[in-house]
Amino acid sequence: MPAFIVVPALFWVTLLLVAGGLALIRARDVLQRVVALDLLAVIVIALLALLCFLWGQAYYFDAAVALALLSFVATVAAARYLGSGGPFG
């Protein structure tokens, strides 16, 4: 992918990050906040993958994979916690 494609993609991903932050702020209940945080994690993963390609540093991709795994586990844990009605439910 040439740089003239990656740079506008970085711009759009940054705008999506701002929009996701606004969605997190405007969330009314806990479920919407969990979804907004998951959205922000996916956008940050995309940003890290684009930076990995643009700068040629492999550790950005490693960080993106680690963030994806942590985000998945956190989302599953939050869904189980909210689905059971509490920590002892």
PDB file of N, CA and C in Angstrom:
ATOM      1  N   MET A   1       0.848  -1.178   0.000  1.00  0.00           N
ATOM      2  CA  MET A   1       0.000   0.000   0.000  1.00  0.00           C
ATOM      3  C   MET A   1       0.892   1.240   0.000  1.00  0.00           C
ATOM      4  N   PRO A   2       0.702   2.085  -0.961  1.00  0.00           N
ATOM      5  CA  PRO A   2       1.502   3.314  -0.988  1.00  0.00           C
ATOM      6  C   PRO A   2       1.103   4.276   0.124  1.00  0.00           C
ATOM      7  N   ALA A   3       1.992   5.237   0.356  1.00  0.00           N
ATOM      8  CA  ALA A   3       1.767   6.199   1.437  1.00  0.00           C
ATOM      9  C   ALA A   3       0.567   7.099   1.156  1.00  0.00           C
ATOM     10  N   PHE A   4       0.233   7.328  -0.113  1.00  0.00           N
ATOM     11  CA  PHE A   4      -0.910   8.194  -0.403  1.00  0.00           C
ATOM     12  C   PHE A   4      -2.244   7.528  -0.064  1.00  0.00           C
ATOM     13  N   ILE A   5      -2.217   6.249   0.259  1.00  0.00           N
ATOM     14  CA  ILE A   5      -3.419   5.565   0.747  1.00  0.00           C
ATOM     15  C   ILE A   5      -3.403   5.480   2.268  1.00  0.00           C
ATOM     16  N   VAL A   6      -2.222   5.262   2.844  1.00  0.00           N
ATOM     17  CA  VAL A   6      -2.110   5.072   4.285  1.00  0.00           C
ATOM     18  C   VAL A   6      -2.360   6.367   5.052  1.00  0.00           C
ATOM     19  N   VAL A   7      -1.862   7.483   4.539  1.00  0.00           N
ATOM     20  CA  VAL A   7      -2.014   8.756   5.256  1.00  0.00           C
ATOM     21  C   VAL A   7      -3.486   9.174   5.367  1.00  0.00           C
ATOM     22  N   PRO A   8      -4.292   9.130   4.300  1.00  0.00           N
ATOM     23  CA  PRO A   8      -5.722   9.423   4.494  1.00  0.00           C
ATOM     24  C   PRO A   8      -6.424   8.403   5.391  1.00  0.00           C
ATOM     25  N   ALA A   9      -5.974   7.149   5.347  1.00  0.00           N
ATOM     26  CA  ALA A   9      -6.557   6.139   6.237  1.00  0.00           C
ATOM     27  C   ALA A   9      -6.260   6.481   7.692  1.00  0.00           C
ATOM     28  N   LEU A  10      -5.051   6.960   7.977  1.00  0.00           N
ATOM     29  CA  LEU A  10      -4.714   7.398   9.334  1.00  0.00           C
ATOM     30  C   LEU A  10      -5.588   8.578   9.758  1.00  0.00           C
ATOM     31  N   PHE A  11      -5.833   9.491   8.834  1.00  0.00           N
ATOM     32  CA  PHE A  11      -6.689  10.637   9.125  1.00  0.00           C
ATOM     33  C   PHE A  11      -8.101  10.179   9.481  1.00  0.00           C
ATOM     34  N   TRP A  12      -8.666   9.271   8.686  1.00  0.00           N
ATOM     35  CA  TRP A  12     -10.023   8.800   8.942  1.00  0.00           C
ATOM     36  C   TRP A  12     -10.118   7.977  10.223  1.00  0.00           C
ATOM     37  N   VAL A  13      -9.105   7.178  10.492  1.00  0.00           N
ATOM     38  CA  VAL A  13      -9.115   6.390  11.722  1.00  0.00           C
ATOM     39  C   VAL A  13      -9.039   7.315  12.937  1.00  0.00           C
ATOM     40  N   THR A  14      -8.274   8.392  12.832  1.00  0.00           N
ATOM     41  CA  THR A  14      -8.205   9.360  13.926  1.00  0.00           C
ATOM     42  C   THR A  14      -9.553  10.044  14.130  1.00  0.00           C
ATOM     43  N   LEU A  15     -10.235  10.383  13.047  1.00  0.00           N
ATOM     44  CA  LEU A  15     -11.578  10.965  13.176  1.00  0.00           C
ATOM     45  C   LEU A  15     -12.556   9.973  13.797  1.00  0.00           C
ATOM     46  N   LEU A  16     -12.433   8.714  13.417  1.00  0.00           N
ATOM     47  CA  LEU A  16     -13.286   7.689  14.018  1.00  0.00           C
ATOM     48  C   LEU A  16     -12.985   7.514  15.505  1.00  0.00           C
ATOM     49  N   LEU A  17     -11.735   7.703  15.893  1.00  0.00           N
ATOM     50  CA  LEU A  17     -11.371   7.622  17.301  1.00  0.00           C
ATOM     51  C   LEU A  17     -12.048   8.738  18.099  1.00  0.00           C
ATOM     52  N   VAL A  18     -12.087   9.922  17.534  1.00  0.00           N
ATOM     53  CA  VAL A  18     -12.776  11.046  18.184  1.00  0.00           C
ATOM     54  C   VAL A  18     -14.279  10.769  18.264  1.00  0.00           C
ATOM     55  N   ALA A  19     -14.855  10.264  17.182  1.00  0.00           N
ATOM     56  CA  ALA A  19     -16.291   9.953  17.186  1.00  0.00           C
ATOM     57  C   ALA A  19     -16.613   8.850  18.185  1.00  0.00           C
ATOM     58  N   GLY A  20     -15.737   7.864  18.306  1.00  0.00           N
ATOM     59  CA  GLY A  20     -15.943   6.804  19.295  1.00  0.00           C
ATOM     60  C   GLY A  20     -15.852   7.335  20.715  1.00  0.00           C
ATOM     61  N   GLY A  21     -14.950   8.278  20.939  1.00  0.00           N
ATOM     62  CA  GLY A  21     -14.865   8.904  22.249  1.00  0.00           C
ATOM     63  C   GLY A  21     -16.122   9.674  22.597  1.00  0.00           C
ATOM     64  N   LEU A  22     -16.678  10.370  21.610  1.00  0.00           N
ATOM     65  CA  LEU A  22     -17.948  11.079  21.836  1.00  0.00           C
ATOM     66  C   LEU A  22     -19.084  10.103  22.096  1.00  0.00           C
ATOM     67  N   ALA A  23     -19.069   8.962  21.408  1.00  0.00           N
ATOM     68  CA  ALA A  23     -20.096   7.951  21.656  1.00  0.00           C
ATOM     69  C   ALA A  23     -19.974   7.385  23.064  1.00  0.00           C
ATOM     70  N   LEU A  24     -18.740   7.249  23.546  1.00  0.00           N
ATOM     71  CA  LEU A  24     -18.531   6.766  24.910  1.00  0.00           C
ATOM     72  C   LEU A  24     -19.039   7.782  25.928  1.00  0.00           C
ATOM     73  N   ILE A  25     -18.786   9.039  25.669  1.00  0.00           N
ATOM     74  CA  ILE A  25     -19.242  10.083  26.592  1.00  0.00           C
ATOM     75  C   ILE A  25     -20.764  10.170  26.617  1.00  0.00           C
ATOM     76  N   ARG A  26     -21.391  10.010  25.466  1.00  0.00           N
ATOM     77  CA  ARG A  26     -22.849  10.155  25.367  1.00  0.00           C
ATOM     78  C   ARG A  26     -23.617   8.885  25.712  1.00  0.00           C
ATOM     79  N   ALA A  27     -22.917   7.797  26.037  1.00  0.00           N
ATOM     80  CA  ALA A  27     -23.590   6.531  26.353  1.00  0.00           C
ATOM     81  C   ALA A  27     -24.455   6.684  27.596  1.00  0.00           C
ATOM     82  N   ARG A  28     -25.657   6.112  27.533  1.00  0.00           N
ATOM     83  CA  ARG A  28     -26.624   6.292  28.616  1.00  0.00           C
ATOM     84  C   ARG A  28     -26.605   5.178  29.644  1.00  0.00           C
ATOM     85  N   ASP A  29     -26.290   3.968  29.229  1.00  0.00           N
ATOM     86  CA  ASP A  29     -26.253   2.873  30.195  1.00  0.00           C
ATOM     87  C   ASP A  29     -24.955   2.085  30.034  1.00  0.00           C
ATOM     88  N   VAL A  30     -24.794   1.092  30.878  1.00  0.00           N
ATOM     89  CA  VAL A  30     -23.540   0.351  30.939  1.00  0.00           C
ATOM     90  C   VAL A  30     -23.296  -0.449  29.667  1.00  0.00           C
ATOM     91  N   LEU A  31     -24.328  -1.013  29.091  1.00  0.00           N
ATOM     92  CA  LEU A  31     -24.152  -1.809  27.875  1.00  0.00           C
ATOM     93  C   LEU A  31     -23.648  -0.965  26.712  1.00  0.00           C
ATOM     94  N   GLN A  32     -24.149   0.246  26.584  1.00  0.00           N
ATOM     95  CA  GLN A  32     -23.668   1.139  25.534  1.00  0.00           C
ATOM     96  C   GLN A  32     -22.218   1.535  25.774  1.00  0.00           C
ATOM     97  N   ARG A  33     -21.831   1.682  27.030  1.00  0.00           N
ATOM     98  CA  ARG A  33     -20.434   2.005  27.338  1.00  0.00           C
ATOM     99  C   ARG A  33     -19.503   0.852  26.996  1.00  0.00           C
ATOM    100  N   VAL A  34     -19.946  -0.370  27.258  1.00  0.00           N
ATOM    101  CA  VAL A  34     -19.128  -1.538  26.924  1.00  0.00           C
ATOM    102  C   VAL A  34     -18.939  -1.630  25.404  1.00  0.00           C
ATOM    103  N   VAL A  35     -19.998  -1.406  24.657  1.00  0.00           N
ATOM    104  CA  VAL A  35     -19.906  -1.456  23.196  1.00  0.00           C
ATOM    105  C   VAL A  35     -19.017  -0.330  22.680  1.00  0.00           C
ATOM    106  N   ALA A  36     -19.137   0.865  23.264  1.00  0.00           N
ATOM    107  CA  ALA A  36     -18.306   1.991  22.835  1.00  0.00           C
ATOM    108  C   ALA A  36     -16.830   1.732  23.149  1.00  0.00           C
ATOM    109  N   LEU A  37     -16.537   1.150  24.298  1.00  0.00           N
ATOM    110  CA  LEU A  37     -15.151   0.821  24.625  1.00  0.00           C
ATOM    111  C   LEU A  37     -14.599  -0.245  23.687  1.00  0.00           C
ATOM    112  N   ASP A  38     -15.423  -1.214  23.317  1.00  0.00           N
ATOM    113  CA  ASP A  38     -14.999  -2.229  22.357  1.00  0.00           C
ATOM    114  C   ASP A  38     -14.734  -1.594  20.992  1.00  0.00           C
ATOM    115  N   LEU A  39     -15.583  -0.660  20.603  1.00  0.00           N
ATOM    116  CA  LEU A  39     -15.377   0.072  19.350  1.00  0.00           C
ATOM    117  C   LEU A  39     -14.064   0.840  19.380  1.00  0.00           C
ATOM    118  N   LEU A  40     -13.785   1.507  20.483  1.00  0.00           N
ATOM    119  CA  LEU A  40     -12.531   2.254  20.603  1.00  0.00           C
ATOM    120  C   LEU A  40     -11.320   1.328  20.537  1.00  0.00           C
ATOM    121  N   ALA A  41     -11.437   0.159  21.124  1.00  0.00           N
ATOM    122  CA  ALA A  41     -10.333  -0.798  21.060  1.00  0.00           C
ATOM    123  C   ALA A  41     -10.079  -1.247  19.621  1.00  0.00           C
ATOM    124  N   VAL A  42     -11.134  -1.488  18.880  1.00  0.00           N
ATOM    125  CA  VAL A  42     -10.974  -1.906  17.475  1.00  0.00           C
ATOM    126  C   VAL A  42     -10.347  -0.785  16.653  1.00  0.00           C
ATOM    127  N   ILE A  43     -10.730   0.442  16.915  1.00  0.00           N
ATOM    128  CA  ILE A  43     -10.166   1.575  16.172  1.00  0.00           C
ATOM    129  C   ILE A  43      -8.688   1.752  16.512  1.00  0.00           C
ATOM    130  N   VAL A  44      -8.329   1.599  17.784  1.00  0.00           N
ATOM    131  CA  VAL A  44      -6.914   1.707  18.169  1.00  0.00           C
ATOM    132  C   VAL A  44      -6.108   0.567  17.547  1.00  0.00           C
ATOM    133  N   ILE A  45      -6.688  -0.614  17.445  1.00  0.00           N
ATOM    134  CA  ILE A  45      -6.007  -1.731  16.787  1.00  0.00           C
ATOM    135  C   ILE A  45      -5.758  -1.407  15.313  1.00  0.00           C
ATOM    136  N   ALA A  46      -6.743  -0.823  14.658  1.00  0.00           N
ATOM    137  CA  ALA A  46      -6.562  -0.425  13.258  1.00  0.00           C
ATOM    138  C   ALA A  46      -5.484   0.649  13.132  1.00  0.00           C
ATOM    139  N   LEU A  47      -5.463   1.590  14.063  1.00  0.00           N
ATOM    140  CA  LEU A  47      -4.454   2.640  14.050  1.00  0.00           C
ATOM    141  C   LEU A  47      -3.055   2.055  14.237  1.00  0.00           C
ATOM    142  N   LEU A  48      -2.916   1.120  15.145  1.00  0.00           N
ATOM    143  CA  LEU A  48      -1.617   0.475  15.351  1.00  0.00           C
ATOM    144  C   LEU A  48      -1.177  -0.323  14.124  1.00  0.00           C
ATOM    145  N   ALA A  49      -2.114  -0.985  13.469  1.00  0.00           N
ATOM    146  CA  ALA A  49      -1.767  -1.750  12.264  1.00  0.00           C
ATOM    147  C   ALA A  49      -1.324  -0.819  11.138  1.00  0.00           C
ATOM    148  N   LEU A  50      -1.991   0.318  10.996  1.00  0.00           N
ATOM    149  CA  LEU A  50      -1.576   1.282   9.971  1.00  0.00           C
ATOM    150  C   LEU A  50      -0.204   1.877  10.285  1.00  0.00           C
ATOM    151  N   LEU A  51       0.055   2.178  11.548  1.00  0.00           N
ATOM    152  CA  LEU A  51       1.361   2.703  11.927  1.00  0.00           C
ATOM    153  C   LEU A  51       2.455   1.665  11.720  1.00  0.00           C
ATOM    154  N   CYS A  52       2.125   0.409  11.970  1.00  0.00           N
ATOM    155  CA  CYS A  52       3.077  -0.682  11.725  1.00  0.00           C
ATOM    156  C   CYS A  52       3.463  -0.731  10.253  1.00  0.00           C
ATOM    157  N   PHE A  53       2.498  -0.589   9.394  1.00  0.00           N
ATOM    158  CA  PHE A  53       2.791  -0.633   7.960  1.00  0.00           C
ATOM    159  C   PHE A  53       3.547   0.608   7.514  1.00  0.00           C
ATOM    160  N   LEU A  54       3.136   1.779   8.003  1.00  0.00           N
ATOM    161  CA  LEU A  54       3.724   3.028   7.544  1.00  0.00           C
ATOM    162  C   LEU A  54       5.174   3.171   7.989  1.00  0.00           C
ATOM    163  N   TRP A  55       5.469   2.832   9.257  1.00  0.00           N
ATOM    164  CA  TRP A  55       6.809   3.031   9.783  1.00  0.00           C
ATOM    165  C   TRP A  55       7.671   1.774   9.729  1.00  0.00           C
ATOM    166  N   GLY A  56       7.072   0.639   9.430  1.00  0.00           N
ATOM    167  CA  GLY A  56       7.833  -0.600   9.309  1.00  0.00           C
ATOM    168  C   GLY A  56       8.366  -1.130  10.620  1.00  0.00           C
ATOM    169  N   GLN A  57       7.678  -0.852  11.709  1.00  0.00           N
ATOM    170  CA  GLN A  57       8.092  -1.335  13.025  1.00  0.00           C
ATOM    171  C   GLN A  57       7.166  -2.477  13.438  1.00  0.00           C
ATOM    172  N   ALA A  58       7.731  -3.639  13.672  1.00  0.00           N
ATOM    173  CA  ALA A  58       6.931  -4.826  13.947  1.00  0.00           C
ATOM    174  C   ALA A  58       6.273  -4.787  15.322  1.00  0.00           C
ATOM    175  N   TYR A  59       6.831  -4.023  16.261  1.00  0.00           N
ATOM    176  CA  TYR A  59       6.256  -4.036  17.600  1.00  0.00           C
ATOM    177  C   TYR A  59       4.903  -3.337  17.661  1.00  0.00           C
ATOM    178  N   TYR A  60       4.559  -2.507  16.695  1.00  0.00           N
ATOM    179  CA  TYR A  60       3.211  -1.940  16.646  1.00  0.00           C
ATOM    180  C   TYR A  60       2.183  -3.043  16.367  1.00  0.00           C
ATOM    181  N   PHE A  61       2.551  -3.963  15.505  1.00  0.00           N
ATOM    182  CA  PHE A  61       1.645  -5.070  15.216  1.00  0.00           C
ATOM    183  C   PHE A  61       1.514  -5.996  16.423  1.00  0.00           C
ATOM    184  N   ASP A  62       2.619  -6.214  17.124  1.00  0.00           N
ATOM    185  CA  ASP A  62       2.561  -7.017  18.350  1.00  0.00           C
ATOM    186  C   ASP A  62       1.647  -6.371  19.378  1.00  0.00           C
ATOM    187  N   ALA A  63       1.739  -5.053  19.501  1.00  0.00           N
ATOM    188  CA  ALA A  63       0.866  -4.335  20.435  1.00  0.00           C
ATOM    189  C   ALA A  63      -0.593  -4.429  19.993  1.00  0.00           C
ATOM    190  N   ALA A  64      -0.846  -4.400  18.689  1.00  0.00           N
ATOM    191  CA  ALA A  64      -2.218  -4.507  18.178  1.00  0.00           C
ATOM    192  C   ALA A  64      -2.804  -5.890  18.493  1.00  0.00           C
ATOM    193  N   VAL A  65      -2.008  -6.927  18.333  1.00  0.00           N
ATOM    194  CA  VAL A  65      -2.480  -8.285  18.633  1.00  0.00           C
ATOM    195  C   VAL A  65      -2.751  -8.437  20.126  1.00  0.00           C
ATOM    196  N   ALA A  66      -1.843  -7.924  20.958  1.00  0.00           N
ATOM    197  CA  ALA A  66      -2.037  -8.004  22.406  1.00  0.00           C
ATOM    198  C   ALA A  66      -3.280  -7.238  22.834  1.00  0.00           C
ATOM    199  N   LEU A  67      -3.491  -6.067  22.253  1.00  0.00           N
ATOM    200  CA  LEU A  67      -4.686  -5.278  22.579  1.00  0.00           C
ATOM    201  C   LEU A  67      -5.952  -5.995  22.124  1.00  0.00           C
ATOM    202  N   ALA A  68      -5.902  -6.661  20.990  1.00  0.00           N
ATOM    203  CA  ALA A  68      -7.070  -7.402  20.512  1.00  0.00           C
ATOM    204  C   ALA A  68      -7.422  -8.542  21.469  1.00  0.00           C
ATOM    205  N   LEU A  69      -6.415  -9.253  21.949  1.00  0.00           N
ATOM    206  CA  LEU A  69      -6.673 -10.346  22.887  1.00  0.00           C
ATOM    207  C   LEU A  69      -7.227  -9.820  24.213  1.00  0.00           C
ATOM    208  N   LEU A  70      -6.636  -8.757  24.736  1.00  0.00           N
ATOM    209  CA  LEU A  70      -7.120  -8.175  25.987  1.00  0.00           C
ATOM    210  C   LEU A  70      -8.526  -7.611  25.840  1.00  0.00           C
ATOM    211  N   SER A  71      -8.802  -7.003  24.707  1.00  0.00           N
ATOM    212  CA  SER A  71     -10.123  -6.439  24.470  1.00  0.00           C
ATOM    213  C   SER A  71     -11.177  -7.541  24.392  1.00  0.00           C
ATOM    214  N   PHE A  72     -10.838  -8.647  23.755  1.00  0.00           N
ATOM    215  CA  PHE A  72     -11.780  -9.759  23.662  1.00  0.00           C
ATOM    216  C   PHE A  72     -12.097 -10.321  25.042  1.00  0.00           C
ATOM    217  N   VAL A  73     -11.062 -10.551  25.829  1.00  0.00           N
ATOM    218  CA  VAL A  73     -11.259 -11.107  27.170  1.00  0.00           C
ATOM    219  C   VAL A  73     -12.054 -10.136  28.034  1.00  0.00           C
ATOM    220  N   ALA A  74     -11.753  -8.852  27.952  1.00  0.00           N
ATOM    221  CA  ALA A  74     -12.469  -7.864  28.755  1.00  0.00           C
ATOM    222  C   ALA A  74     -13.934  -7.764  28.343  1.00  0.00           C
ATOM    223  N   THR A  75     -14.219  -7.849  27.062  1.00  0.00           N
ATOM    224  CA  THR A  75     -15.602  -7.791  26.601  1.00  0.00           C
ATOM    225  C   THR A  75     -16.391  -9.013  27.057  1.00  0.00           C
ATOM    226  N   VAL A  76     -15.776 -10.182  26.973  1.00  0.00           N
ATOM    227  CA  VAL A  76     -16.444 -11.397  27.438  1.00  0.00           C
ATOM    228  C   VAL A  76     -16.686 -11.333  28.946  1.00  0.00           C
ATOM    229  N   ALA A  77     -15.699 -10.846  29.693  1.00  0.00           N
ATOM    230  CA  ALA A  77     -15.857 -10.735  31.146  1.00  0.00           C
ATOM    231  C   ALA A  77     -16.960  -9.744  31.499  1.00  0.00           C
ATOM    232  N   ALA A  78     -17.012  -8.606  30.807  1.00  0.00           N
ATOM    233  CA  ALA A  78     -18.053  -7.612  31.073  1.00  0.00           C
ATOM    234  C   ALA A  78     -19.431  -8.163  30.709  1.00  0.00           C
ATOM    235  N   ALA A  79     -19.518  -8.904  29.614  1.00  0.00           N
ATOM    236  CA  ALA A  79     -20.809  -9.477  29.217  1.00  0.00           C
ATOM    237  C   ALA A  79     -21.280 -10.518  30.227  1.00  0.00           C
ATOM    238  N   ARG A  80     -20.369 -11.351  30.715  1.00  0.00           N
ATOM    239  CA  ARG A  80     -20.753 -12.342  31.730  1.00  0.00           C
ATOM    240  C   ARG A  80     -21.161 -11.667  33.027  1.00  0.00           C
ATOM    241  N   TYR A  81     -20.441 -10.614  33.402  1.00  0.00           N
ATOM    242  CA  TYR A  81     -20.757  -9.899  34.641  1.00  0.00           C
ATOM    243  C   TYR A  81     -22.124  -9.224  34.539  1.00  0.00           C
ATOM    244  N   LEU A  82     -22.387  -8.559  33.426  1.00  0.00           N
ATOM    245  CA  LEU A  82     -23.665  -7.866  33.258  1.00  0.00           C
ATOM    246  C   LEU A  82     -24.814  -8.843  33.030  1.00  0.00           C
ATOM    247  N   GLY A  83     -24.528  -9.991  32.418  1.00  0.00           N
ATOM    248  CA  GLY A  83     -25.561 -10.979  32.181  1.00  0.00           C
ATOM    249  C   GLY A  83     -25.999 -11.705  33.429  1.00  0.00           C
ATOM    250  N   SER A  84     -25.108 -11.865  34.380  1.00  0.00           N
ATOM    251  CA  SER A  84     -25.472 -12.571  35.609  1.00  0.00           C
ATOM    252  C   SER A  84     -26.079 -11.648  36.652  1.00  0.00           C
ATOM    253  N   GLY A  85     -25.985 -10.369  36.467  1.00  0.00           N
ATOM    254  CA  GLY A  85     -26.608  -9.423  37.386  1.00  0.00           C
ATOM    255  C   GLY A  85     -25.693  -8.973  38.507  1.00  0.00           C
ATOM    256  N   GLY A  86     -24.445  -9.311  38.471  1.00  0.00           N
ATOM    257  CA  GLY A  86     -23.512  -8.890  39.504  1.00  0.00           C
ATOM    258  C   GLY A  86     -22.450  -9.933  39.744  1.00  0.00           C
ATOM    259  N   PRO A  87     -21.557  -9.665  40.679  1.00  0.00           N
ATOM    260  CA  PRO A  87     -20.452 -10.619  40.875  1.00  0.00           C
ATOM    261  C   PRO A  87     -20.880 -11.932  41.518  1.00  0.00           C
ATOM    262  N   PHE A  88     -21.981 -11.927  42.242  1.00  0.00           N
ATOM    263  CA  PHE A  88     -22.409 -13.141  42.945  1.00  0.00           C
ATOM    264  C   PHE A  88     -23.751 -13.657  42.435  1.00  0.00           C
ATOM    265  N   GLY A  89     -24.221 -13.145  41.270  1.00  0.00           N
ATOM    266  CA  GLY A  89     -25.550 -13.471  40.791  1.00  0.00           C
ATOM    267  C   GLY A  89     -25.662 -14.689  40.038  1.00  0.00           C
TER     268      GLY A  89
END
